[in-house]
Amino acid sequence: EDQMLHTNNIEQQHSSYPHHFLLHKLTILLTSISLFFITTTLVSFTLRQTQSKMLEFTIQLSDHVRRELPLSKLVVVHVVENCVFVPIMVGVVFFLIEFYMGDKFLAFMVLSLVWIGEAYSLISMRSIQTT
C-alpha cells in the first residue's frame, strides 16, 4: 500500500512538473550506467586476475610434476591466493541486493549477465589475439 501511495505521489508530482520527471529519468539512467561500469570493472578484474593465476598455476604445476616435487604446498598456495576474490564478488552481490532494494533474484541476474558478457568478451578477445 505504501509503495502504491508513493508511486501515485510521484506520478502526481511529475504531471505537474515535467522537468522533474525528466530529471528523475536522467538520474535513473546515470545511476544505471554507473552501476553497470562498477559491476563490469569488478567482474573483469576478477576474471583477468583469476585467468592470470590459473596460467601461472599451470606452469608451476607442470614444473613440479616434471621435477617430482610435492604438489600439496603448490595447491594450497594457489587456493589461498584465489580466495582473495571471494570477498570482492560477495561484496558486489550484497551491493546489488541493497541497490535493488532486497530483490535477490534481480541482483543475481544482473551479476550473472555481466559475468557472462565479460567471460564472452575475454574468450572472444583471446581468440582474436591467437589468430
Foldseek 3Di string as FASTA:
>chain_A
DVVVVVVVVVVVVCVVPVVVVVVVVVVVVVVVVVLLVVLLVLLLVLVVVLVVLVVVLVVVVVVCVVVVHDCPVSVVVSVVVSVVSVVSVVVQQVVLCVVVPNPNVVSVVSSVVSNVVSVVVVVVVVVVVVD
